[in-house]
């Protein structure tokens, strides 16, 4: 059984710029942000109060780049 973070990691879409798998970061006070693992891609540092919100926003970002 996947842990909570592992479950959401599997829900992430690839980076819209390079196609790599992104990673989830947890910061103070249980806030989350998602970034590409490549140092060449545009960094996203918007923190969200829930992991679900961070994943949904990342995936929405990926969809707009595909359009």
Protein backbone atom coordinates (compact mmCIF):
# COMPACT_ATOMS: atom_id res chain seq x y z
CA UNK A 1 0.00 0.00 0.00
CA UNK A 2 1.33 3.42 -0.94
CA UNK A 3 1.74 6.09 1.67
CA UNK A 4 -0.09 9.37 1.21
CA UNK A 5 2.80 11.16 -0.54
CA UNK A 6 3.50 8.11 -2.70
CA UNK A 7 -0.11 8.05 -3.87
CA UNK A 8 0.02 11.70 -4.98
CA UNK A 9 3.40 11.25 -6.63
CA UNK A 10 1.81 8.66 -8.93
CA UNK A 11 -0.93 11.20 -9.84
CA UNK A 12 1.55 13.81 -11.14
CA UNK A 13 1.82 14.54 -14.82
CA UNK A 14 5.31 14.94 -16.34
CA UNK A 15 6.97 18.35 -16.48
CA UNK A 16 5.36 20.36 -19.29
CA UNK A 17 8.77 21.64 -20.42
CA UNK A 18 11.05 18.61 -20.41
CA UNK A 19 8.81 15.59 -19.73
CA UNK A 20 10.64 14.48 -16.58
CA UNK A 21 8.92 13.23 -13.47
CA UNK A 22 8.40 16.06 -10.96
CA UNK A 23 8.92 15.79 -7.21
CA UNK A 24 6.89 16.86 -4.22
CA UNK A 25 8.41 19.08 -1.55
CA UNK A 26 6.97 19.61 1.91
CA UNK A 27 7.92 22.81 3.70
CA UNK A 28 7.08 24.32 7.06
CA UNK A 29 3.56 24.08 8.45
CA UNK A 30 2.57 21.24 6.10
CA UNK A 31 2.67 23.28 2.92
CA UNK A 32 3.62 21.70 -0.38
CA UNK A 33 5.05 22.63 -3.74
CA UNK A 34 6.01 20.60 -6.79
CA UNK A 35 9.00 21.13 -9.03
CA UNK A 36 10.74 19.49 -11.93
CA UNK A 37 13.85 17.50 -11.10
CA UNK A 38 15.73 19.20 -13.93
CA UNK A 39 17.72 22.30 -13.00
CA UNK A 40 17.05 23.67 -16.50
CA UNK A 41 13.28 23.94 -16.18
CA UNK A 42 11.21 26.83 -14.90
CA UNK A 43 10.86 26.59 -11.15
CA UNK A 44 7.43 26.62 -9.55
CA UNK A 45 7.53 27.69 -5.92
CA UNK A 46 3.90 28.37 -5.11
CA UNK A 47 3.09 26.66 -1.82
CA UNK A 48 -0.29 25.08 -1.19
CA UNK A 49 -1.91 24.13 2.11
CA UNK A 50 -2.75 20.65 0.89
CA UNK A 51 -0.88 18.12 -1.18
CA UNK A 52 -4.00 17.55 -3.26
CA UNK A 53 -4.12 21.25 -4.22
CA UNK A 54 -0.44 21.27 -5.17
CA UNK A 55 -0.90 18.22 -7.41
CA UNK A 56 -4.04 19.62 -9.03
CA UNK A 57 -2.31 22.92 -9.81
CA UNK A 58 0.77 21.17 -11.21
CA UNK A 59 -1.37 18.97 -13.43
CA UNK A 60 -3.37 21.96 -14.62
CA UNK A 61 -0.08 23.69 -15.48
CA UNK A 62 0.97 20.64 -17.49
CA UNK A 63 -2.32 20.67 -19.40
CA UNK A 64 -2.02 24.33 -20.41
CA UNK A 65 1.44 23.72 -21.87
CA UNK A 66 0.08 20.83 -23.96
CA UNK A 67 -2.63 22.97 -25.54
